[in-house]
C-alpha atoms as a PDB file:
ATOM      1  CA  MET A   1       1.330 -42.474  -0.259  1.00  0.00           C
ATOM      2  CA  ARG A   2      -0.777 -41.810  -3.331  1.00  0.00           C
ATOM      3  CA  LYS A   3      -0.289 -38.437  -5.004  1.00  0.00           C
ATOM      4  CA  LEU A   4      -3.525 -36.530  -5.476  1.00  0.00           C
ATOM      5  CA  SER A   5      -4.382 -35.000  -8.802  1.00  0.00           C
ATOM      6  CA  TRP A   6      -4.147 -31.253  -9.229  1.00  0.00           C
ATOM      7  CA  ASN A   7      -7.939 -31.004  -9.488  1.00  0.00           C
ATOM      8  CA  VAL A   8      -8.484 -32.786  -6.161  1.00  0.00           C
ATOM      9  CA  ARG A   9      -5.858 -30.616  -4.472  1.00  0.00           C
ATOM     10  CA  ARG A  10      -7.432 -27.480  -5.972  1.00  0.00           C
ATOM     11  CA  VAL A  11     -10.904 -28.440  -4.712  1.00  0.00           C
ATOM     12  CA  ARG A  12      -9.553 -29.165  -1.227  1.00  0.00           C
ATOM     13  CA  LEU A  13      -7.661 -25.887  -1.165  1.00  0.00           C
ATOM     14  CA  ARG A  14     -10.760 -24.007  -2.245  1.00  0.00           C
ATOM     15  CA  LYS A  15     -12.802 -25.646   0.539  1.00  0.00           C
ATOM     16  CA  ARG A  16     -10.155 -24.716   3.107  1.00  0.00           C
ATOM     17  CA  LEU A  17     -10.119 -21.124   1.900  1.00  0.00           C
ATOM     18  CA  MET A  18     -13.925 -20.955   2.123  1.00  0.00           C
ATOM     19  CA  ILE A  19     -13.861 -22.361   5.660  1.00  0.00           C
ATOM     20  CA  PHE A  20     -11.129 -19.921   6.648  1.00  0.00           C
ATOM     21  CA  GLY A  21     -13.113 -17.019   5.204  1.00  0.00           C
ATOM     22  CA  ALA A  22     -16.222 -18.096   7.111  1.00  0.00           C
ATOM     23  CA  LEU A  23     -14.249 -18.397  10.351  1.00  0.00           C
ATOM     24  CA  CYS A  24     -12.752 -14.949   9.831  1.00  0.00           C
ATOM     25  CA  ALA A  25     -16.233 -13.530   9.358  1.00  0.00           C
ATOM     26  CA  LEU A  26     -17.541 -15.266  12.488  1.00  0.00           C
ATOM     27  CA  PHE A  27     -14.553 -14.557  14.704  1.00  0.00           C
ATOM     28  CA  PRO A  28     -12.937 -11.270  13.679  1.00  0.00           C
ATOM     29  CA  LEU A  29      -9.626 -10.479  15.275  1.00  0.00           C
ATOM     30  CA  ALA A  30      -9.850  -8.369  18.376  1.00  0.00           C
ATOM     31  CA  SER A  31      -9.228  -5.115  16.552  1.00  0.00           C
ATOM     32  CA  SER A  32     -11.096  -3.180  19.221  1.00  0.00           C
ATOM     33  CA  ILE A  33      -8.408  -3.884  21.819  1.00  0.00           C
ATOM     34  CA  ALA A  34      -6.221  -0.820  22.162  1.00  0.00           C
ATOM     35  CA  LEU A  35      -2.608  -1.862  21.896  1.00  0.00           C
ATOM     36  CA  PRO A  36       0.273   0.564  21.820  1.00  0.00           C
ATOM     37  CA  ALA A  37       1.283   1.093  18.214  1.00  0.00           C
ATOM     38  CA  ARG A  38       4.786   0.125  17.260  1.00  0.00           C
ATOM     39  CA  PRO A  39       6.866   3.030  16.022  1.00  0.00           C
ATOM     40  CA  VAL A  40       7.070   3.389  12.266  1.00  0.00           C
ATOM     41  CA  PRO A  41      10.295   1.807  11.095  1.00  0.00           C
ATOM     42  CA  ALA A  42      12.685   4.474   9.900  1.00  0.00           C
ATOM     43  CA  THR A  43      14.123   2.156   7.301  1.00  0.00           C
ATOM     44  CA  THR A  44      13.459  -1.208   5.798  1.00  0.00           C
ATOM     45  CA  SER A  45      16.023  -3.989   5.523  1.00  0.00           C
ATOM     46  CA  LYS A  46      15.407  -4.324   1.806  1.00  0.00           C
ATOM     47  CA  PRO A  47      15.151  -1.550  -0.784  1.00  0.00           C
ATOM     48  CA  ILE A  48      11.576  -0.298  -1.184  1.00  0.00           C
ATOM     49  CA  ASP A  49      11.462  -1.202  -4.876  1.00  0.00           C
ATOM     50  CA  GLU A  50      12.375  -4.789  -3.950  1.00  0.00           C
ATOM     51  CA  LEU A  51       9.538  -4.922  -1.387  1.00  0.00           C
ATOM     52  CA  VAL A  52       7.060  -3.518  -3.909  1.00  0.00           C
ATOM     53  CA  ARG A  53       8.169  -6.097  -6.471  1.00  0.00           C
ATOM     54  CA  LEU A  54       7.909  -8.900  -3.877  1.00  0.00           C
ATOM     55  CA  VAL A  55       4.347  -7.943  -2.939  1.00  0.00           C
ATOM     56  CA  ARG A  56       3.202  -7.415  -6.515  1.00  0.00           C
ATOM     57  CA  GLN A  57       4.714 -10.668  -7.788  1.00  0.00           C
ATOM     58  CA  ASP A  58       4.954 -13.127  -4.893  1.00  0.00           C
ATOM     59  CA  CYS A  59       1.900 -12.053  -2.916  1.00  0.00           C
ATOM     60  CA  GLY A  60       0.121 -11.267  -6.166  1.00  0.00           C
ATOM     61  CA  SER A  61       0.473 -14.873  -7.309  1.00  0.00           C
ATOM     62  CA  CYS A  62      -2.247 -15.806  -4.777  1.00  0.00           C
ATOM     63  CA  HIS A  63      -3.905 -12.479  -3.948  1.00  0.00           C
ATOM     64  CA  GLY A  64      -4.064 -11.324  -7.577  1.00  0.00           C
ATOM     65  CA  LEU A  65      -1.550  -9.117  -9.360  1.00  0.00           C
ATOM     66  CA  THR A  66      -3.737  -6.094  -8.605  1.00  0.00           C
ATOM     67  CA  LEU A  67      -4.270  -7.425  -5.034  1.00  0.00           C
ATOM     68  CA  LYS A  68      -8.031  -7.599  -5.684  1.00  0.00           C
ATOM     69  CA  GLY A  69      -8.094 -11.267  -4.706  1.00  0.00           C
ATOM     70  CA  GLY A  70      -7.620 -14.575  -6.418  1.00  0.00           C
ATOM     71  CA  LEU A  71      -6.856 -17.783  -4.619  1.00  0.00           C
ATOM     72  CA  GLY A  72      -6.198 -15.585  -1.564  1.00  0.00           C
ATOM     73  CA  LYS A  73      -8.297 -12.772  -0.154  1.00  0.00           C
ATOM     74  CA  PRO A  74      -8.150  -9.230  -1.533  1.00  0.00           C
ATOM     75  CA  LEU A  75      -5.468  -7.011   0.011  1.00  0.00           C
ATOM     76  CA  LEU A  76      -7.111  -3.663  -0.640  1.00  0.00           C
ATOM     77  CA  PRO A  77      -7.539  -1.011   2.078  1.00  0.00           C
ATOM     78  CA  GLU A  78     -11.305  -1.550   2.289  1.00  0.00           C
ATOM     79  CA  ASN A  79     -10.776  -5.284   2.846  1.00  0.00           C
ATOM     80  CA  LEU A  80      -8.143  -4.714   5.543  1.00  0.00           C
ATOM     81  CA  ALA A  81      -9.964  -1.920   7.392  1.00  0.00           C
ATOM     82  CA  GLY A  82     -10.856  -4.135  10.373  1.00  0.00           C
ATOM     83  CA  ARG A  83      -7.261  -5.201  11.024  1.00  0.00           C
ATOM     84  CA  ASP A  84      -4.395  -3.192  12.398  1.00  0.00           C
ATOM     85  CA  ALA A  85      -0.967  -3.082  10.742  1.00  0.00           C
ATOM     86  CA  ASP A  86       0.708  -5.020  13.574  1.00  0.00           C
ATOM     87  CA  THR A  87      -1.692  -7.950  13.136  1.00  0.00           C
ATOM     88  CA  LEU A  88      -1.182  -7.923   9.370  1.00  0.00           C
ATOM     89  CA  ALA A  89       2.604  -7.841   9.840  1.00  0.00           C
ATOM     90  CA  GLN A  90       2.384 -10.910  12.119  1.00  0.00           C
ATOM     91  CA  ILE A  91       0.303 -12.734   9.494  1.00  0.00           C
ATOM     92  CA  ILE A  92       2.883 -11.835   6.852  1.00  0.00           C
ATOM     93  CA  LEU A  93       5.749 -13.052   9.038  1.00  0.00           C
ATOM     94  CA  ASP A  94       4.176 -16.199  10.499  1.00  0.00           C
ATOM     95  CA  GLY A  95       1.624 -17.165   7.857  1.00  0.00           C
ATOM     96  CA  ILE A  96      -1.669 -18.800   8.772  1.00  0.00           C
ATOM     97  CA  PRO A  97      -1.264 -22.448   9.803  1.00  0.00           C
ATOM     98  CA  GLY A  98      -3.533 -24.867   7.981  1.00  0.00           C
ATOM     99  CA  THR A  99      -3.983 -22.495   5.036  1.00  0.00           C
ATOM    100  CA  PRO A 100      -1.942 -21.746   1.912  1.00  0.00           C
ATOM    101  CA  MET A 101      -0.675 -18.495   3.496  1.00  0.00           C
ATOM    102  CA  PRO A 102       3.055 -19.187   4.030  1.00  0.00           C
ATOM    103  CA  PRO A 103       5.314 -17.599   6.624  1.00  0.00           C
ATOM    104  CA  TRP A 104       7.739 -15.002   5.243  1.00  0.00           C
ATOM    105  CA  ARG A 105       9.821 -14.582   8.409  1.00  0.00           C
ATOM    106  CA  GLY A 106      12.906 -16.164   6.848  1.00  0.00           C
ATOM    107  CA  ILE A 107      12.714 -13.765   3.899  1.00  0.00           C
ATOM    108  CA  LEU A 108      11.426 -10.546   5.464  1.00  0.00           C
ATOM    109  CA  ALA A 109      12.537  -8.680   8.566  1.00  0.00           C
ATOM    110  CA  GLU A 110       9.892  -7.416  11.004  1.00  0.00           C
ATOM    111  CA  ASN A 111      10.289  -3.811   9.851  1.00  0.00           C
ATOM    112  CA  ASP A 112       9.790  -4.923   6.215  1.00  0.00           C
ATOM    113  CA  ALA A 113       6.582  -6.772   7.118  1.00  0.00           C
ATOM    114  CA  LEU A 114       5.308  -3.771   9.073  1.00  0.00           C
ATOM    115  CA  TRP A 115       6.096  -1.448   6.145  1.00  0.00           C
ATOM    116  CA  ILE A 116       4.205  -3.782   3.772  1.00  0.00           C
ATOM    117  CA  ALA A 117       1.228  -4.014   6.161  1.00  0.00           C
ATOM    118  CA  ARG A 118       0.995  -0.231   6.513  1.00  0.00           C
ATOM    119  CA  LYS A 119       1.276   0.286   2.758  1.00  0.00           C
ATOM    120  CA  LEU A 120      -1.448  -2.329   2.141  1.00  0.00           C
ATOM    121  CA  LYS A 121      -3.755  -0.441   4.501  1.00  0.00           C
ATOM    122  CA  GLU A 122      -3.010   2.855   2.685  1.00  0.00           C
ATOM    123  CA  GLY A 123      -3.235   1.392  -0.811  1.00  0.00           C
ATOM    124  CA  PHE A 124      -0.184  -0.416  -2.077  1.00  0.00           C
ATOM    125  CA  PRO A 125       1.857   1.440  -4.730  1.00  0.00           C
ATOM    126  CA  ASP A 126       2.047   0.092  -8.269  1.00  0.00           C
ATOM    127  CA  ALA A 127       5.739   0.932  -8.381  1.00  0.00           C
ATOM    128  CA  ALA A 128       8.336   2.149  -5.938  1.00  0.00           C
ATOM    129  CA  PRO A 129       8.279   5.920  -5.287  1.00  0.00           C
END
């Protein structure tokens, strides 16, 4: 199997991200369906400062260090307004197949992902409180 150059892989990735963005715009998630909200986790499995660092560095490597977007979509409250925290937590845990968004289930517990999703919707902190 021939290895593709970085430029070819970058162009293909960019096309996939554009297609994914278009599909998201055409078929928004069913955010209008009323589902019972999961209770707010009392604690997280990892220390909060570790979760903040993970989001700022690991997620920030694709979504931008300020979460304003980069290779991945922006993760600011105004960009996530149409999605509920449970859906975002599932995306964090399971990734999005066929896209560069990886699953984090092996690294994050469900309550960690839900905490991150809720904080992203509120406006993610620059540093741990």
